[in-house]
Amino acid sequence: MKAFFQFVWFPALVVSLVFFWLWLDRRMGWRGPHYPTAGFLLVAGGSLLAGWCNLLFIDIGKGTAHPFTAKTRRLVIAGPYRYVRNPMMYGVGAILTGLALGLGSLGLWFGLALFVLFLSLFVPYYEEPDMERRFGEKYRQYCRRVPRWIPRLRRD
């Protein structure tokens, strides 16, 4: 039930925020750069990455990416998590960037900036302490090997 809740309310929240920024564009007469093909490719790539991360959370972590309702029971360090600790954020960021470019929305660029600001506070002050409490030394070792934001593309 908790996993279903995550897959219903979180997408509904994201869609509502996108519509808010698009409404704000129209209301304020804003227009951003418009590159539909690049936008489509970013949305598709970001969706694939976010979907892959969600599948890893369900399959390996035995939970979901949602930090409040259905936390994983096992630490996920496979797939894109071998290179960066927050690949889901890249997926969502690519989707927002793609929507901003594809729709020519200046408001969505503001939404992306707020998303980045939120992450820069949420991850180190809530998510990481929570993960350390739940997974202990295994998580600390993972943090020493894998960077938080900038992917390490070579494997040791």
C-alpha atoms as a PDB file:
ATOM      1  CA  MET A   1       0.000   0.000   0.000  1.00  0.00           C
ATOM      2  CA  LYS A   2       2.819   2.414   0.845  1.00  0.00           C
ATOM      3  CA  ALA A   3       4.495   1.822  -2.527  1.00  0.00           C
ATOM      4  CA  PHE A   4       1.185   2.465  -4.296  1.00  0.00           C
ATOM      5  CA  PHE A   5       0.780   5.675  -2.285  1.00  0.00           C
ATOM      6  CA  GLN A   6       4.193   6.855  -3.468  1.00  0.00           C
ATOM      7  CA  PHE A   7       3.390   6.129  -7.106  1.00  0.00           C
ATOM      8  CA  VAL A   8       0.128   8.082  -6.891  1.00  0.00           C
ATOM      9  CA  TRP A   9       0.695  11.162  -4.724  1.00  0.00           C
ATOM     10  CA  PHE A  10       4.272  12.001  -5.738  1.00  0.00           C
ATOM     11  CA  PRO A  11       3.598  12.060  -9.506  1.00  0.00           C
ATOM     12  CA  ALA A  12       0.401  14.028  -8.812  1.00  0.00           C
ATOM     13  CA  LEU A  13       2.436  16.576  -6.850  1.00  0.00           C
ATOM     14  CA  VAL A  14       5.031  16.863  -9.642  1.00  0.00           C
ATOM     15  CA  VAL A  15       2.354  17.263 -12.328  1.00  0.00           C
ATOM     16  CA  SER A  16       0.608  19.923 -10.203  1.00  0.00           C
ATOM     17  CA  LEU A  17       3.862  21.868  -9.825  1.00  0.00           C
ATOM     18  CA  VAL A  18       4.554  21.658 -13.571  1.00  0.00           C
ATOM     19  CA  PHE A  19       1.089  22.997 -14.317  1.00  0.00           C
ATOM     20  CA  PHE A  20       1.613  25.780 -11.767  1.00  0.00           C
ATOM     21  CA  TRP A  21       4.843  26.898 -13.468  1.00  0.00           C
ATOM     22  CA  LEU A  22       3.188  26.717 -16.897  1.00  0.00           C
ATOM     23  CA  TRP A  23       0.250  28.764 -15.596  1.00  0.00           C
ATOM     24  CA  LEU A  24       2.722  31.294 -14.185  1.00  0.00           C
ATOM     25  CA  ASP A  25       4.439  31.506 -17.603  1.00  0.00           C
ATOM     26  CA  ARG A  26       1.139  32.311 -19.281  1.00  0.00           C
ATOM     27  CA  ARG A  27       0.054  34.740 -16.555  1.00  0.00           C
ATOM     28  CA  MET A  28       3.359  36.656 -16.571  1.00  0.00           C
ATOM     29  CA  GLY A  29       3.948  36.423 -20.322  1.00  0.00           C
ATOM     30  CA  TRP A  30       7.223  34.591 -19.785  1.00  0.00           C
ATOM     31  CA  ARG A  31       8.901  32.652 -22.555  1.00  0.00           C
ATOM     32  CA  GLY A  32      12.065  30.589 -22.205  1.00  0.00           C
ATOM     33  CA  PRO A  33      14.283  28.868 -24.763  1.00  0.00           C
ATOM     34  CA  HIS A  34      12.293  26.406 -26.875  1.00  0.00           C
ATOM     35  CA  TYR A  35      14.021  23.255 -28.179  1.00  0.00           C
ATOM     36  CA  PRO A  36      11.380  20.528 -28.471  1.00  0.00           C
ATOM     37  CA  THR A  37      13.683  17.734 -29.705  1.00  0.00           C
ATOM     38  CA  ALA A  38      16.286  18.296 -26.992  1.00  0.00           C
ATOM     39  CA  GLY A  39      13.478  18.534 -24.441  1.00  0.00           C
ATOM     40  CA  PHE A  40      11.946  15.242 -25.561  1.00  0.00           C
ATOM     41  CA  LEU A  41      15.314  13.469 -25.402  1.00  0.00           C
ATOM     42  CA  LEU A  42      15.989  14.785 -21.887  1.00  0.00           C
ATOM     43  CA  VAL A  43      12.529  13.803 -20.643  1.00  0.00           C
ATOM     44  CA  ALA A  44      12.908  10.322 -22.152  1.00  0.00           C
ATOM     45  CA  GLY A  45      16.418   9.821 -20.743  1.00  0.00           C
ATOM     46  CA  GLY A  46      15.478  11.202 -17.336  1.00  0.00           C
ATOM     47  CA  SER A  47      12.396   8.979 -17.201  1.00  0.00           C
ATOM     48  CA  LEU A  48      14.459   5.895 -18.036  1.00  0.00           C
ATOM     49  CA  LEU A  49      17.022   6.731 -15.343  1.00  0.00           C
ATOM     50  CA  ALA A  50      14.372   7.501 -12.705  1.00  0.00           C
ATOM     51  CA  GLY A  51      12.481   4.334 -13.639  1.00  0.00           C
ATOM     52  CA  TRP A  52      15.649   2.225 -13.380  1.00  0.00           C
ATOM     53  CA  CYS A  53      16.385   3.704  -9.947  1.00  0.00           C
ATOM     54  CA  ASN A  54      12.831   2.947  -8.796  1.00  0.00           C
ATOM     55  CA  LEU A  55      13.104  -0.647  -9.995  1.00  0.00           C
ATOM     56  CA  LEU A  56      16.370  -1.056  -8.059  1.00  0.00           C
ATOM     57  CA  PHE A  57      14.709   0.300  -4.920  1.00  0.00           C
ATOM     58  CA  ILE A  58      11.837  -2.155  -5.286  1.00  0.00           C
ATOM     59  CA  ASP A  59      13.908  -5.184  -6.305  1.00  0.00           C
ATOM     60  CA  ILE A  60      17.101  -4.822  -4.242  1.00  0.00           C
ATOM     61  CA  GLY A  61      16.057  -2.354  -1.547  1.00  0.00           C
ATOM     62  CA  LYS A  62      12.675  -3.964  -0.864  1.00  0.00           C
ATOM     63  CA  GLY A  63      11.080  -0.525  -0.627  1.00  0.00           C
ATOM     64  CA  THR A  64      10.764   2.636  -2.701  1.00  0.00           C
ATOM     65  CA  ALA A  65      12.580   5.909  -3.229  1.00  0.00           C
ATOM     66  CA  HIS A  66      10.032   7.717  -1.098  1.00  0.00           C
ATOM     67  CA  PRO A  67      11.845   8.907   2.039  1.00  0.00           C
ATOM     68  CA  PHE A  68       8.778   9.134   4.281  1.00  0.00           C
ATOM     69  CA  THR A  69       6.398   6.264   3.532  1.00  0.00           C
ATOM     70  CA  ALA A  70       8.152   3.192   2.099  1.00  0.00           C
ATOM     71  CA  LYS A  71      11.871   3.395   2.839  1.00  0.00           C
ATOM     72  CA  THR A  72      14.141   0.695   1.531  1.00  0.00           C
ATOM     73  CA  ARG A  73      15.092  -2.084   3.911  1.00  0.00           C
ATOM     74  CA  ARG A  74      18.374  -2.817   2.143  1.00  0.00           C
ATOM     75  CA  LEU A  75      21.045  -0.395   0.907  1.00  0.00           C
ATOM     76  CA  VAL A  76      20.990  -0.038  -2.890  1.00  0.00           C
ATOM     77  CA  ILE A  77      24.488   0.335  -4.352  1.00  0.00           C
ATOM     78  CA  ALA A  78      23.995  -1.312  -7.767  1.00  0.00           C
ATOM     79  CA  GLY A  79      23.416   0.140 -11.226  1.00  0.00           C
ATOM     80  CA  PRO A  80      23.853   3.915 -11.375  1.00  0.00           C
ATOM     81  CA  TYR A  81      24.331   3.952  -7.580  1.00  0.00           C
ATOM     82  CA  ARG A  82      27.842   2.567  -8.203  1.00  0.00           C
ATOM     83  CA  TYR A  83      28.847   5.929  -9.682  1.00  0.00           C
ATOM     84  CA  VAL A  84      26.883   8.548  -7.722  1.00  0.00           C
ATOM     85  CA  ARG A  85      24.797   8.391  -4.542  1.00  0.00           C
ATOM     86  CA  ASN A  86      21.857  10.344  -5.980  1.00  0.00           C
ATOM     87  CA  PRO A  87      21.211   9.252  -9.583  1.00  0.00           C
ATOM     88  CA  MET A  88      17.452   9.598  -9.112  1.00  0.00           C
ATOM     89  CA  MET A  89      18.024  13.338  -8.746  1.00  0.00           C
ATOM     90  CA  TYR A  90      19.719  13.367 -12.159  1.00  0.00           C
ATOM     91  CA  GLY A  91      16.674  11.647 -13.647  1.00  0.00           C
ATOM     92  CA  VAL A  92      14.212  14.116 -12.156  1.00  0.00           C
ATOM     93  CA  GLY A  93      16.502  17.039 -13.043  1.00  0.00           C
ATOM     94  CA  ALA A  94      16.707  15.831 -16.655  1.00  0.00           C
ATOM     95  CA  ILE A  95      12.913  15.557 -16.803  1.00  0.00           C
ATOM     96  CA  LEU A  96      12.469  19.115 -15.474  1.00  0.00           C
ATOM     97  CA  THR A  97      15.149  20.482 -17.812  1.00  0.00           C
ATOM     98  CA  GLY A  98      13.590  18.647 -20.744  1.00  0.00           C
ATOM     99  CA  LEU A  99      10.136  19.999 -19.937  1.00  0.00           C
ATOM    100  CA  ALA A 100      11.523  23.534 -19.620  1.00  0.00           C
ATOM    101  CA  LEU A 101      13.274  23.269 -23.002  1.00  0.00           C
ATOM    102  CA  GLY A 102      10.543  21.320 -24.749  1.00  0.00           C
ATOM    103  CA  LEU A 103       7.748  23.638 -23.651  1.00  0.00           C
ATOM    104  CA  GLY A 104       9.789  26.844 -23.753  1.00  0.00           C
ATOM    105  CA  SER A 105       8.912  27.530 -20.120  1.00  0.00           C
ATOM    106  CA  LEU A 106      10.803  30.093 -18.087  1.00  0.00           C
ATOM    107  CA  GLY A 107       8.717  29.137 -15.053  1.00  0.00           C
ATOM    108  CA  LEU A 108       9.970  25.551 -15.209  1.00  0.00           C
ATOM    109  CA  TRP A 109      13.552  26.860 -15.064  1.00  0.00           C
ATOM    110  CA  PHE A 110      12.592  28.517 -11.761  1.00  0.00           C
ATOM    111  CA  GLY A 111      11.058  25.206 -10.673  1.00  0.00           C
ATOM    112  CA  LEU A 112      14.322  23.431 -11.529  1.00  0.00           C
ATOM    113  CA  ALA A 113      16.280  25.977  -9.484  1.00  0.00           C
ATOM    114  CA  LEU A 114      13.982  25.366  -6.487  1.00  0.00           C
ATOM    115  CA  PHE A 115      14.397  21.602  -6.952  1.00  0.00           C
ATOM    116  CA  VAL A 116      18.195  21.968  -6.846  1.00  0.00           C
ATOM    117  CA  LEU A 117      17.965  24.208  -3.767  1.00  0.00           C
ATOM    118  CA  PHE A 118      15.656  21.700  -2.064  1.00  0.00           C
ATOM    119  CA  LEU A 119      18.058  18.826  -2.808  1.00  0.00           C
ATOM    120  CA  SER A 120      21.079  20.735  -1.565  1.00  0.00           C
ATOM    121  CA  LEU A 121      19.342  21.003   1.819  1.00  0.00           C
ATOM    122  CA  PHE A 122      17.298  17.787   1.976  1.00  0.00           C
ATOM    123  CA  VAL A 123      20.040  15.302   1.067  1.00  0.00           C
ATOM    124  CA  PRO A 124      22.753  16.294   3.571  1.00  0.00           C
ATOM    125  CA  TYR A 125      20.414  17.323   6.405  1.00  0.00           C
ATOM    126  CA  TYR A 126      17.730  14.618   6.242  1.00  0.00           C
ATOM    127  CA  GLU A 127      18.424  11.802   3.804  1.00  0.00           C
ATOM    128  CA  GLU A 128      22.064  11.081   4.617  1.00  0.00           C
ATOM    129  CA  PRO A 129      21.662  11.094   8.439  1.00  0.00           C
ATOM    130  CA  ASP A 130      18.619   8.836   8.034  1.00  0.00           C
ATOM    131  CA  MET A 131      20.561   6.426   5.804  1.00  0.00           C
ATOM    132  CA  GLU A 132      23.462   6.381   8.254  1.00  0.00           C
ATOM    133  CA  ARG A 133      21.110   5.524  11.132  1.00  0.00           C
ATOM    134  CA  ARG A 134      19.462   2.742   9.148  1.00  0.00           C
ATOM    135  CA  PHE A 135      22.495   1.178   7.445  1.00  0.00           C
ATOM    136  CA  GLY A 136      25.414   2.159   9.709  1.00  0.00           C
ATOM    137  CA  GLU A 137      28.961   1.308   8.689  1.00  0.00           C
ATOM    138  CA  LYS A 138      27.942  -0.147   5.339  1.00  0.00           C
ATOM    139  CA  TYR A 139      26.494   3.242   4.358  1.00  0.00           C
ATOM    140  CA  ARG A 140      29.548   5.126   5.684  1.00  0.00           C
ATOM    141  CA  GLN A 141      31.828   2.928   3.571  1.00  0.00           C
ATOM    142  CA  TYR A 142      29.605   3.516   0.557  1.00  0.00           C
ATOM    143  CA  CYS A 143      29.821   7.300   1.120  1.00  0.00           C
ATOM    144  CA  ARG A 144      33.620   7.106   1.213  1.00  0.00           C
ATOM    145  CA  ARG A 145      33.675   5.265  -2.139  1.00  0.00           C
ATOM    146  CA  VAL A 146      30.892   7.010  -4.072  1.00  0.00           C
ATOM    147  CA  PRO A 147      30.421  10.797  -4.424  1.00  0.00           C
ATOM    148  CA  ARG A 148      27.164  12.545  -3.498  1.00  0.00           C
ATOM    149  CA  TRP A 149      26.606  14.679  -6.622  1.00  0.00           C
ATOM    150  CA  ILE A 150      29.295  14.394  -9.310  1.00  0.00           C
ATOM    151  CA  PRO A 151      29.493  10.867 -10.750  1.00  0.00           C
ATOM    152  CA  ARG A 152      32.779   9.032 -10.574  1.00  0.00           C
ATOM    153  CA  LEU A 153      32.945   7.353 -13.968  1.00  0.00           C
ATOM    154  CA  ARG A 154      35.956   5.118 -13.385  1.00  0.00           C
ATOM    155  CA  ARG A 155      35.720   1.971 -11.308  1.00  0.00           C
ATOM    156  CA  ASP A 156      38.453   1.035  -8.811  1.00  0.00           C
END
